[in-house]
Amino acid sequence: MSIKKRKNIYRIHQLLAGIFSTVIAAAFLFPFAVLASSAPLPVTNFSATAPDSTSVSLSWTTSSNPDLTEFEVRYSTNPLNIGNFTLATQLTNAPAPLPGQVQSMQVSSLSANTTYYFGIREFNLASQPSPLVVVSVTTPSSGGGGGITCALPASISNFSIATSTNSMTLSWVTPADPNLAEFEVRRSTSILNDGNFTLATQLTNAPAPLPGQTQNMQATGLQTDMTYYFGIRVYNICAKASPVAYQNSENSGGGGGGGGGGGGGGGGGGGGGFYNPLPPTSPSILINNNAASTATTTVTLTLHAVNASKMAISNTPSFAGKSWETYSDKKVWELTSGEGMKRVYAIYQSPDGVATSPVSDDIVYEVYKPKAPSNISILINGGAATTATRNVALTLRADNASEMKISNTTDFSGIVWEPYVTQKPWELTAGNGTKIVYALYRSSDNLTLGPASSNIVLSIPVTPTPPGQVLGASGALDFNTIMVNWGSGRFGNIADLNGDGQVDQNDVYLLMHQWVNINVRNTSNSTYGK
């Protein structure tokens, strides 16, 4: 055989070996490819209803494929299609698939009066998705309603616990309510009640509700010789919760069956009964001694509960991530960031492990901002147009003002700050005519605003009066005296014949009006007269 033929045969052997190894590897690495050779069918009867303005209830019939593993549910305020589906917000509370059954889930924390688009698809064991199904719904306006109406679901019944070495089996009868969505199951080594239920450890393997049927689940990873307390409540598709049903059992390692000799009897632990222990009394909480507002997020809590040994404080009603701490009547606390109304919650526990229901107090967090005066004004004599006297009354107004300055000039020269008042007497400048008074205001934060102003016409009536005798040394009227003292700067001079505080044309008018025939002599003994 030629070397060329042998090389070709060798290459064929290599090719066949590669194909064979690939098939073997695929069988080990992708065993589900045989189990699920085709994608699952889509869900049917997919619908969305909005029971209130912030939530939506989704319902559908799951396909009958027995190899389903999970749902992928996403939503958006934009229309969905296969191209943008994976960009939409994914919901993490989708139930496990129940082939061929009607299933539902609740979507909360939505906005009122908004159209939402929801998409759902199933996945099988081979991670193959079903075709996408999309539905839309518009939430009603705030305060409105629409869709189905849900009442509070009833509590589960016949709640019992069977124990084994390191696990417990919880069993109950589910209410015959067709709108049930999910169970919330929690456990604790402390006694549970409505006040501390949400602080307990949540079990994540709760089954989907089967209305009217007896259901059970396992609580594993427990310690021996330890008493555990369990609580279960069920939610409907409107996110409304039933009352919590409580039960407890000692995990003592019993219940494991009898021994030898011809088939011993089957042992088995059992649960305890329902209980109703007493919590601390008169629980309360005050923020900053019941203040209405705070300028900082660091506050002081005043706490009180009779017969309390422990407490838990939280900024949320769920107390998520919070644990019990030793009871104290004072505690420094940090509010959440962001201005607005803040609420702090507290629950208290007695020495027997019984907790109160949450109590709370509110306070407004508002970062202090310096305030300037506002809405400033000034009126003279209540806004009168004229006055016959220089003494007037000012009406003053300024919001957030603590001090003020009043002046007859815009430069406020020589004027000092004085306490803010709403009424003040004031004297106008001398002389008839339009007078303006100015007001400047200052807040306690040292911010000013103004000036505001008001004007009024001063009109003092002129009453002619006989002038006093203005005679020179010779006993005659001294004409030069009037001429020398002319002008507004010579207050109090004898030439101010009308007594208005200045020498002007009004004095001349008065002099001319009252002038009588008199002789006025100059040094040359010339005689002048009227």
Protein backbone atom coordinates (compact mmCIF):
# COMPACT_ATOMS: atom_id res chain seq x y z
CA MET A 1 0.00 0.00 0.00
CA SER A 2 1.32 3.39 -0.88
CA ILE A 3 2.29 5.93 1.69
CA LYS A 4 -0.40 8.26 0.36
CA LYS A 5 -3.16 5.65 0.87
CA ARG A 6 -1.95 4.86 4.37
CA LYS A 7 -2.06 8.57 5.23
CA ASN A 8 -5.64 8.83 3.94
CA ILE A 9 -6.74 5.79 5.99
CA TYR A 10 -5.08 7.29 9.06
CA ARG A 11 -6.91 10.58 8.53
CA ILE A 12 -10.27 8.73 8.22
CA HIS A 13 -9.56 6.88 11.48
CA GLN A 14 -8.79 10.18 13.17
CA LEU A 15 -11.99 11.73 11.84
CA LEU A 16 -14.15 8.82 13.01
CA ALA A 17 -12.48 8.86 16.42
CA GLY A 18 -13.15 12.58 16.76
CA ILE A 19 -16.82 12.16 15.82
CA PHE A 20 -17.22 9.26 18.25
CA SER A 21 -15.58 11.14 21.13
CA THR A 22 -17.76 14.19 20.42
CA VAL A 23 -20.91 12.07 20.58
CA ILE A 24 -19.78 10.44 23.83
CA ALA A 25 -18.90 13.84 25.34
CA ALA A 26 -22.23 15.29 24.27
CA ALA A 27 -24.01 12.40 25.95
CA PHE A 28 -22.26 13.21 29.23
CA LEU A 29 -22.23 16.99 28.99
CA PHE A 30 -25.70 17.51 27.50
CA PRO A 31 -27.89 14.66 28.76
CA PHE A 32 -30.97 16.89 28.67
CA ALA A 33 -30.76 17.20 24.92
CA VAL A 34 -32.26 13.73 24.70
CA LEU A 35 -34.83 14.36 27.41
CA ALA A 36 -36.12 17.57 25.83
CA SER A 37 -35.68 17.49 22.11
CA SER A 38 -38.02 20.42 21.43
CA ALA A 39 -38.86 23.72 23.08
CA PRO A 40 -41.88 23.75 25.44
CA LEU A 41 -45.22 25.13 24.36
CA PRO A 42 -46.16 28.63 25.51
CA VAL A 43 -48.48 29.31 28.43
CA THR A 44 -52.13 29.91 27.58
CA ASN A 45 -54.86 32.20 28.96
CA PHE A 46 -52.24 34.74 30.04
CA SER A 47 -54.08 37.68 31.64
CA ALA A 48 -53.30 40.72 33.80
CA THR A 49 -55.66 42.59 36.13
CA ALA A 50 -55.02 45.63 38.31
CA PRO A 51 -56.82 45.30 41.67
CA ASP A 52 -55.47 48.68 42.78
CA SER A 53 -53.30 51.54 41.54
CA THR A 54 -49.93 50.01 42.49
CA SER A 55 -50.21 46.27 41.82
CA VAL A 56 -51.07 43.81 39.04
CA SER A 57 -52.18 40.18 39.24
CA LEU A 58 -50.94 37.83 36.52
CA SER A 59 -52.64 34.51 35.73
CA TRP A 60 -52.02 31.81 33.14
CA THR A 61 -52.38 28.12 32.37
CA THR A 62 -49.02 26.33 32.37
CA SER A 63 -48.29 24.00 29.47
CA SER A 64 -48.52 20.25 30.18
CA ASN A 65 -44.84 19.58 29.46
CA PRO A 66 -43.51 17.43 32.35
CA ASP A 67 -39.93 18.71 31.90
CA LEU A 68 -40.58 22.35 32.84
CA THR A 69 -38.14 23.92 35.31
CA GLU A 70 -38.96 27.61 35.64
CA PHE A 71 -40.75 30.68 34.33
CA GLU A 72 -39.14 33.86 33.08
CA VAL A 73 -41.47 36.81 33.70
CA ARG A 74 -40.48 40.37 32.79
CA TYR A 75 -42.28 43.71 32.52
CA SER A 76 -41.81 47.15 30.98
CA THR A 77 -43.71 50.35 30.26
CA ASN A 78 -42.80 49.84 26.59
CA PRO A 79 -44.32 47.17 24.32
CA LEU A 80 -42.41 43.87 24.57
CA ASN A 81 -41.24 41.51 21.85
CA ILE A 82 -38.59 38.80 21.55
CA GLY A 83 -36.01 41.42 20.58
CA ASN A 84 -36.25 43.53 23.74
CA PHE A 85 -37.68 41.01 26.21
CA THR A 86 -34.40 40.31 28.01
CA LEU A 87 -33.87 44.07 28.52
CA ALA A 88 -37.09 44.39 30.54
CA THR A 89 -37.24 44.15 34.35
CA GLN A 90 -37.33 40.54 35.54
CA LEU A 91 -39.67 39.49 38.35
CA THR A 92 -38.09 37.19 40.90
CA ASN A 93 -41.23 35.89 42.62
CA ALA A 94 -42.51 33.66 39.80
CA PRO A 95 -43.84 30.31 41.12
CA ALA A 96 -42.42 26.92 40.17
CA PRO A 97 -44.16 25.41 37.10
CA LEU A 98 -47.12 23.09 37.75
CA PRO A 99 -47.75 21.45 34.33
CA GLY A 100 -51.29 21.84 33.08
CA GLN A 101 -52.49 23.94 36.03
CA VAL A 102 -53.69 27.50 36.38
CA GLN A 103 -50.99 29.57 38.12
CA SER A 104 -50.68 33.16 39.20
CA MET A 105 -48.38 35.72 40.75
CA GLN A 106 -48.55 39.25 42.12
CA VAL A 107 -46.57 42.31 40.96
CA SER A 108 -46.40 45.21 43.40
CA SER A 109 -44.78 48.66 43.80
CA LEU A 110 -46.08 49.89 40.44
CA SER A 111 -47.14 53.41 39.47
CA ALA A 112 -50.74 54.56 39.20
CA ASN A 113 -52.36 55.34 35.85
CA THR A 114 -49.57 53.61 33.89
CA THR A 115 -49.68 51.01 31.11
CA TYR A 116 -47.45 47.99 31.77
CA TYR A 117 -46.48 45.19 29.39
CA PHE A 118 -45.81 41.73 30.87
CA GLY A 119 -44.11 38.84 29.09
CA ILE A 120 -43.75 35.21 30.16
CA ARG A 121 -42.01 32.13 28.82
CA GLU A 122 -41.24 28.67 30.20
CA PHE A 123 -37.93 26.81 30.31
CA ASN A 124 -37.43 23.03 30.24
CA LEU A 125 -34.68 20.79 31.57
CA ALA A 126 -32.52 21.56 28.54
CA SER A 127 -32.89 25.32 29.20
CA GLN A 128 -34.97 25.69 26.07
CA PRO A 129 -37.46 28.60 26.24
CA SER A 130 -41.04 28.49 25.07
CA PRO A 131 -42.40 31.15 22.69
CA LEU A 132 -42.98 34.51 24.40
CA VAL A 133 -46.50 35.51 25.42
CA VAL A 134 -47.21 39.20 26.14
CA VAL A 135 -50.16 40.96 27.81
CA SER A 136 -50.71 44.59 28.84
CA VAL A 137 -52.74 46.32 31.55
CA THR A 138 -53.19 49.90 32.75
CA THR A 139 -53.21 50.56 36.49
CA PRO A 140 -56.06 52.79 37.69
CA SER A 141 -55.55 56.28 39.05
CA SER A 142 -54.53 56.59 42.66
CA GLY A 143 -57.50 55.83 44.86
CA GLY A 144 -59.29 54.06 42.03
CA GLY A 145 -59.66 50.38 41.41
CA GLY A 146 -60.24 47.85 38.75
CA GLY A 147 -60.14 44.17 37.92
CA ILE A 148 -60.83 41.59 40.56
CA THR A 149 -61.61 42.32 44.19
CA CYS A 150 -59.78 40.29 46.82
CA ALA A 151 -60.75 39.77 50.42
CA LEU A 152 -58.23 38.69 53.03
CA PRO A 153 -57.58 34.96 52.68
CA ALA A 154 -58.36 32.65 55.57
CA SER A 155 -55.59 31.14 57.65
CA ILE A 156 -54.41 27.58 57.10
CA SER A 157 -55.91 24.94 59.42
CA ASN A 158 -54.83 21.67 61.07
CA PHE A 159 -51.25 22.91 61.35
CA SER A 160 -49.06 20.16 62.82
CA ILE A 161 -45.37 19.25 63.03
CA ALA A 162 -43.73 15.80 62.95
CA THR A 163 -40.08 15.56 63.97
CA SER A 164 -37.13 13.44 62.99
CA THR A 165 -33.44 13.64 63.88
CA ASN A 166 -32.47 16.86 62.09
CA SER A 167 -35.64 17.89 60.29
CA MET A 168 -39.33 18.51 60.77
CA THR A 169 -42.29 17.94 58.51
CA LEU A 170 -44.88 20.70 58.55
CA SER A 171 -48.41 19.76 57.52
CA TRP A 172 -51.56 21.83 57.11
CA VAL A 173 -54.82 22.19 55.20
CA THR A 174 -54.79 25.05 52.68
CA PRO A 175 -57.92 27.31 52.52
CA ALA A 176 -60.28 26.57 49.62
CA ASP A 177 -59.60 29.95 48.00
CA PRO A 178 -58.99 29.90 44.21
CA ASN A 179 -57.00 33.17 44.32
CA LEU A 180 -54.15 32.00 46.54
CA ALA A 181 -50.64 32.82 45.29
CA GLU A 182 -47.96 31.74 47.78
CA PHE A 183 -47.08 30.76 51.36
CA GLU A 184 -44.77 32.61 53.73
CA VAL A 185 -43.22 30.16 56.19
CA ARG A 186 -40.82 31.27 58.93
CA ARG A 187 -39.10 29.60 61.89
CA SER A 188 -37.31 30.72 65.03
CA THR A 189 -35.92 29.37 68.26
CA SER A 190 -37.90 32.12 70.05
CA ILE A 191 -41.64 32.21 70.48
CA LEU A 192 -43.32 33.79 67.46
CA ASN A 193 -46.26 36.19 67.23
CA ASP A 194 -47.45 38.93 64.91
CA GLY A 195 -44.94 41.39 66.33
CA ASN A 196 -41.79 39.41 65.51
CA PHE A 197 -42.92 37.07 62.73
CA THR A 198 -41.09 39.01 59.99
CA LEU A 199 -37.84 38.83 62.00
CA ALA A 200 -37.80 35.04 61.91
CA THR A 201 -35.91 32.96 59.32
CA GLN A 202 -37.93 32.44 56.13
CA LEU A 203 -38.07 28.97 54.55
CA THR A 204 -37.71 29.12 50.77
CA ASN A 205 -39.00 25.64 49.86
CA ALA A 206 -42.69 26.27 50.55
CA PRO A 207 -44.95 24.62 47.95
CA ALA A 208 -47.41 26.46 45.74
CA PRO A 209 -50.89 26.67 47.32
CA LEU A 210 -53.35 23.91 46.39
CA PRO A 211 -56.73 25.25 47.56
CA GLY A 212 -58.59 22.95 49.96
CA GLN A 213 -55.86 20.29 50.05
CA THR A 214 -53.56 18.97 52.75
CA GLN A 215 -50.01 20.12 52.03
CA ASN A 216 -46.66 19.64 53.69
CA MET A 217 -43.03 20.66 53.51
CA GLN A 218 -39.70 19.84 55.14
CA ALA A 219 -37.71 22.07 57.48
CA THR A 220 -34.16 20.72 57.42
CA GLY A 221 -30.78 21.56 58.93
CA LEU A 222 -32.17 21.79 62.46
CA GLN A 223 -30.38 21.14 65.74
CA THR A 224 -31.28 18.35 68.08
CA ASP A 225 -32.71 19.04 71.53
CA MET A 226 -33.96 22.43 70.37
CA THR A 227 -37.48 23.84 70.38
CA TYR A 228 -38.45 25.47 67.09
CA TYR A 229 -41.40 27.77 66.50
CA PHE A 230 -43.05 28.00 63.08
CA GLY A 231 -45.51 30.42 61.51
CA ILE A 232 -47.32 30.19 58.16
CA ARG A 233 -49.46 32.69 56.32
CA VAL A 234 -50.81 32.55 52.79
CA TYR A 235 -51.04 35.38 50.25
CA ASN A 236 -53.61 35.78 47.49
CA ILE A 237 -53.06 37.26 44.04
CA CYS A 238 -53.88 40.72 45.42
CA ALA A 239 -50.90 40.47 47.81
CA LYS A 240 -53.20 40.30 50.82
CA ALA A 241 -52.03 38.06 53.64
CA SER A 242 -53.97 35.74 55.89
CA PRO A 243 -53.53 35.73 59.68
CA VAL A 244 -50.41 33.83 60.72
CA ALA A 245 -50.92 30.30 62.05
CA TYR A 246 -48.37 29.33 64.72
CA GLN A 247 -47.08 25.96 65.89
CA ASN A 248 -44.08 24.66 67.83
CA SER A 249 -42.36 21.33 68.35
CA GLU A 250 -39.36 19.99 70.19
CA ASN A 251 -36.78 18.49 67.85
CA SER A 252 -35.55 15.91 70.37
CA GLY A 253 -34.31 13.35 67.89
CA GLY A 254 -37.35 11.15 68.39
CA GLY A 255 -39.90 9.81 65.97
CA GLY A 256 -37.46 7.62 64.11
CA GLY A 257 -39.26 4.31 64.41
CA GLY A 258 -39.06 1.36 66.78
CA GLY A 259 -36.52 -1.44 66.86
CA GLY A 260 -35.90 -5.10 66.25
CA GLY A 261 -37.58 -8.31 66.70
CA GLY A 262 -40.07 -8.86 64.01
CA GLY A 263 -40.69 -5.41 62.88
CA GLY A 264 -40.81 -2.88 65.58
CA GLY A 265 -43.37 -0.21 65.79
CA GLY A 266 -43.00 2.99 63.94
CA GLY A 267 -42.20 5.74 66.37
CA GLY A 268 -42.53 9.38 65.60
CA GLY A 269 -42.39 12.72 67.26
CA GLY A 270 -45.30 15.04 67.43
CA GLY A 271 -45.93 18.73 67.67
CA GLY A 272 -47.17 20.89 70.45
CA GLY A 273 -50.34 22.92 70.56
CA PHE A 274 -51.19 26.51 69.61
CA TYR A 275 -50.17 29.19 72.08
CA ASN A 276 -50.88 32.83 72.94
CA PRO A 277 -48.14 34.22 75.25
CA LEU A 278 -48.25 37.78 76.61
CA PRO A 279 -45.95 40.50 75.23
CA PRO A 280 -44.65 43.62 77.02
CA THR A 281 -47.27 46.29 77.62
CA SER A 282 -47.56 50.02 76.84
CA PRO A 283 -44.99 50.03 74.03
CA SER A 284 -44.05 53.43 72.57
CA ILE A 285 -41.34 55.26 70.66
CA LEU A 286 -40.62 59.01 70.33
CA ILE A 287 -38.16 60.67 67.95
CA ASN A 288 -36.27 63.66 69.39
CA ASN A 289 -38.76 63.86 72.25
CA ASN A 290 -41.74 64.06 69.86
CA ALA A 291 -40.31 66.93 67.79
CA ALA A 292 -42.07 67.76 64.53
CA SER A 293 -38.92 68.16 62.44
CA THR A 294 -35.15 67.69 62.44
CA ALA A 295 -32.32 69.24 60.44
CA THR A 296 -30.11 66.14 60.71
CA THR A 297 -30.57 62.42 60.14
CA THR A 298 -29.04 61.60 63.52
CA VAL A 299 -31.82 61.55 66.11
CA THR A 300 -32.44 60.32 69.65
CA LEU A 301 -35.15 57.73 70.29
CA THR A 302 -37.06 57.59 73.56
CA LEU A 303 -38.24 53.98 74.00
CA HIS A 304 -40.67 52.46 76.48
CA ALA A 305 -42.31 49.11 77.11
CA VAL A 306 -43.27 47.57 80.45
CA ASN A 307 -41.57 44.19 81.09
CA ALA A 308 -39.36 44.38 78.00
CA SER A 309 -35.98 42.67 77.91
CA LYS A 310 -35.17 43.05 74.20
CA MET A 311 -36.07 45.36 71.36
CA ALA A 312 -35.60 45.77 67.63
CA ILE A 313 -35.52 49.16 65.83
CA SER A 314 -35.99 49.67 62.10
CA ASN A 315 -36.65 52.32 59.47
CA THR A 316 -38.99 49.88 57.69
CA PRO A 317 -42.05 47.98 58.97
CA SER A 318 -40.59 44.65 57.80
CA PHE A 319 -37.57 44.95 60.15
CA ALA A 320 -35.56 43.31 57.36
CA GLY A 321 -32.03 42.46 58.48
CA LYS A 322 -32.68 43.59 62.05
CA SER A 323 -32.02 41.46 65.15
CA TRP A 324 -32.92 41.70 68.79
CA GLU A 325 -30.83 43.88 71.11
CA THR A 326 -30.94 44.56 74.84
CA TYR A 327 -33.80 46.86 75.81
CA SER A 328 -32.87 50.48 76.55
CA ASP A 329 -35.02 53.56 77.03
CA LYS A 330 -32.69 55.78 74.92
CA LYS A 331 -30.96 55.11 71.62
CA VAL A 332 -29.16 57.26 69.05
CA TRP A 333 -30.56 56.42 65.61
CA GLU A 334 -29.84 57.26 61.98
CA LEU A 335 -32.76 58.09 59.72
CA THR A 336 -32.78 57.24 56.03
CA SER A 337 -31.30 59.84 53.68
CA GLY A 338 -33.36 62.27 51.65
CA GLU A 339 -35.57 65.04 52.95
CA GLY A 340 -39.20 64.34 53.85
CA MET A 341 -41.32 62.44 56.35
CA LYS A 342 -39.41 59.72 58.22
CA ARG A 343 -40.85 56.91 60.33
CA VAL A 344 -39.03 54.71 62.83
CA TYR A 345 -40.47 51.42 64.09
CA ALA A 346 -39.86 49.52 67.33
CA ILE A 347 -40.93 46.15 68.71
CA TYR A 348 -40.27 44.88 72.20
CA GLN A 349 -39.83 41.36 73.59
CA SER A 350 -40.51 40.11 77.10
CA PRO A 351 -38.11 37.83 79.03
CA ASP A 352 -40.31 34.91 77.93
CA GLY A 353 -39.61 35.70 74.28
CA VAL A 354 -43.01 37.22 73.48
CA ALA A 355 -42.98 40.34 71.28
CA THR A 356 -45.29 43.31 70.86
CA SER A 357 -46.74 44.53 67.60
CA PRO A 358 -44.65 47.28 65.99
CA VAL A 359 -45.07 50.87 67.21
CA SER A 360 -43.76 53.91 65.35
CA ASP A 361 -43.21 57.65 65.37
CA ASP A 362 -42.83 60.19 62.56
CA ILE A 363 -40.59 63.20 62.07
CA VAL A 364 -39.89 65.47 59.10
CA TYR A 365 -36.26 65.59 58.02
CA GLU A 366 -35.53 68.98 56.43
CA VAL A 367 -32.04 70.37 55.87
CA TYR A 368 -31.97 73.89 57.29
CA LYS A 369 -31.77 76.61 54.65
CA PRO A 370 -31.13 80.26 55.65
CA LYS A 371 -34.22 82.36 55.07
CA ALA A 372 -34.39 85.92 53.82
CA PRO A 373 -37.31 88.28 54.47
CA SER A 374 -40.12 88.14 51.96
CA ASN A 375 -43.37 89.91 51.11
CA ILE A 376 -41.99 93.27 52.26
CA SER A 377 -43.95 96.55 52.21
CA ILE A 378 -44.39 99.93 53.91
CA LEU A 379 -47.38 102.29 54.01
CA ILE A 380 -47.57 105.90 55.24
CA ASN A 381 -50.78 106.70 57.09
CA GLY A 382 -52.34 103.51 55.78
CA GLY A 383 -51.67 104.47 52.15
CA ALA A 384 -53.12 108.01 52.30
CA ALA A 385 -52.29 110.33 49.42
CA THR A 386 -51.66 113.51 51.46
CA THR A 387 -50.91 114.69 54.96
CA ALA A 388 -51.11 118.09 56.60
CA THR A 389 -48.48 117.29 59.21
CA ARG A 390 -44.96 115.93 59.21
CA ASN A 391 -45.80 113.41 61.95
CA VAL A 392 -47.14 110.24 60.32
CA ALA A 393 -47.73 106.54 61.16
CA LEU A 394 -45.93 103.77 59.26
CA THR A 395 -47.42 100.31 58.65
CA LEU A 396 -44.63 97.78 58.06
CA ARG A 397 -44.68 94.19 56.83
CA ALA A 398 -42.01 91.56 56.12
CA ASP A 399 -42.18 87.79 56.52
CA ASN A 400 -39.16 86.21 58.28
CA ALA A 401 -37.92 89.61 59.42
CA SER A 402 -36.29 90.20 62.81
CA GLU A 403 -34.87 93.71 62.27
CA MET A 404 -35.50 96.79 60.14
CA LYS A 405 -34.16 100.20 59.13
CA ILE A 406 -36.38 103.20 58.34
CA SER A 407 -35.07 106.25 56.51
CA ASN A 408 -36.15 109.36 54.60
CA THR A 409 -33.26 108.74 52.17
CA THR A 410 -32.19 105.77 50.07
CA ASP A 411 -28.68 105.59 51.52
CA PHE A 412 -29.96 104.98 55.09
CA SER A 413 -27.06 107.16 56.26
CA GLY A 414 -26.70 107.10 60.04
CA ILE A 415 -29.62 104.67 60.47
CA VAL A 416 -29.06 101.65 62.72
CA TRP A 417 -30.93 98.34 62.81
CA GLU A 418 -33.86 98.15 65.23
CA PRO A 419 -36.26 95.30 66.14
CA TYR A 420 -38.90 94.63 63.54
CA VAL A 421 -42.37 95.99 64.37
CA THR A 422 -45.48 96.39 62.29
CA GLN A 423 -46.36 99.94 63.40
CA LYS A 424 -44.06 102.90 63.95
CA PRO A 425 -44.49 106.70 64.28
CA TRP A 426 -42.32 108.72 61.91
CA GLU A 427 -41.45 112.36 61.06
CA LEU A 428 -41.22 113.45 57.43
CA THR A 429 -38.66 115.94 56.20
CA ALA A 430 -39.57 119.63 56.33
CA GLY A 431 -41.19 121.48 53.48
CA ASN A 432 -44.34 120.84 51.51
CA GLY A 433 -44.18 118.42 48.61
CA THR A 434 -43.87 114.67 47.90
CA LYS A 435 -42.15 112.75 50.68
CA ILE A 436 -40.75 109.19 50.40
CA VAL A 437 -39.98 106.89 53.32
CA TYR A 438 -37.83 103.75 52.83
CA ALA A 439 -37.74 100.45 54.79
CA LEU A 440 -35.02 97.79 54.77
CA TYR A 441 -35.59 94.37 56.45
CA ARG A 442 -33.18 91.74 57.82
CA SER A 443 -33.85 88.12 58.91
CA SER A 444 -32.34 86.26 61.85
CA ASP A 445 -30.07 84.55 59.28
CA ASN A 446 -28.59 88.00 58.50
CA LEU A 447 -30.15 88.11 55.03
CA THR A 448 -31.64 91.45 53.91
CA LEU A 449 -34.32 92.50 51.45
CA GLY A 450 -35.34 95.95 50.32
CA PRO A 451 -35.72 98.77 50.39
CA ALA A 452 -39.47 98.99 50.14
CA SER A 453 -40.88 102.51 49.89
CA SER A 454 -44.03 104.56 50.20
CA ASN A 455 -44.77 108.18 49.31
CA ILE A 456 -47.16 110.85 50.47
CA VAL A 457 -47.66 114.53 49.65
CA LEU A 458 -46.97 116.87 52.57
CA SER A 459 -49.21 119.95 52.34
CA ILE A 460 -49.10 122.19 55.40
CA PRO A 461 -51.65 125.04 55.02
CA VAL A 462 -50.17 128.61 54.92
CA THR A 463 -51.86 130.94 57.43
CA PRO A 464 -50.74 134.54 56.90
CA THR A 465 -49.60 136.18 60.13
CA PRO A 466 -48.36 139.69 60.67
CA PRO A 467 -44.64 139.78 60.52
CA GLY A 468 -42.67 140.86 63.51
CA GLN A 469 -41.14 144.29 63.30
CA VAL A 470 -38.00 144.15 61.31
CA LEU A 471 -36.30 147.49 61.98
CA GLY A 472 -32.81 148.65 61.62
CA ALA A 473 -30.85 150.80 64.02
CA SER A 474 -32.53 153.90 62.64
CA GLY A 475 -35.97 152.55 63.55
CA ALA A 476 -36.95 151.90 59.91
CA LEU A 477 -37.36 148.57 58.00
CA ASP A 478 -33.95 147.32 57.02
CA PHE A 479 -34.29 146.15 53.40
CA ASN A 480 -30.75 144.81 53.39
CA THR A 481 -31.55 142.43 56.28
CA ILE A 482 -34.16 140.60 54.18
CA MET A 483 -31.83 140.37 51.22
CA VAL A 484 -28.87 139.08 53.19
CA ASN A 485 -30.83 136.35 54.95
CA TRP A 486 -32.61 135.00 51.89
CA GLY A 487 -32.41 131.26 51.48
CA SER A 488 -33.51 127.91 52.91
CA GLY A 489 -30.35 127.48 54.92
CA ARG A 490 -31.14 130.29 57.38
CA PHE A 491 -33.58 128.55 59.70
CA GLY A 492 -34.78 130.55 62.63
CA ASN A 493 -33.82 133.86 61.04
CA ILE A 494 -36.08 136.82 61.61
CA ALA A 495 -36.81 136.87 57.87
CA ASP A 496 -38.83 133.63 58.23
CA LEU A 497 -42.00 135.65 58.36
CA ASN A 498 -44.48 132.80 58.01
CA GLY A 499 -42.69 130.55 60.49
CA ASP A 500 -42.39 127.46 58.22
CA GLY A 501 -38.69 126.91 58.97
CA GLN A 502 -37.19 128.44 55.86
CA VAL A 503 -36.92 131.77 54.07
CA ASP A 504 -38.48 131.59 50.60
CA GLN A 505 -40.99 133.17 48.26
CA ASN A 506 -43.78 132.56 50.75
CA ASP A 507 -42.10 135.00 53.14
CA VAL A 508 -41.84 137.55 50.35
CA TYR A 509 -45.51 137.03 49.52
CA LEU A 510 -46.43 137.53 53.14
CA LEU A 511 -44.27 140.62 53.40
CA MET A 512 -45.78 142.08 50.24
CA HIS A 513 -49.28 141.18 51.34
CA GLN A 514 -48.91 142.77 54.75
CA TRP A 515 -46.76 145.71 53.61
CA VAL A 516 -48.07 149.07 54.69
CA ASN A 517 -46.95 152.54 53.87
CA ILE A 518 -43.73 152.87 55.75
CA ASN A 519 -40.59 154.78 55.09
CA VAL A 520 -37.41 152.93 54.36
CA ARG A 521 -34.29 155.08 54.59
CA ASN A 522 -30.87 154.31 53.32
CA THR A 523 -27.72 156.02 54.41
CA SER A 524 -28.42 158.94 52.07
CA ASN A 525 -31.73 159.50 53.83
CA SER A 526 -33.66 158.63 50.66
CA THR A 527 -37.20 157.51 51.41
CA TYR A 528 -38.80 154.36 49.87
CA GLY A 529 -42.28 153.11 50.52
CA LYS A 530 -45.32 151.38 49.18
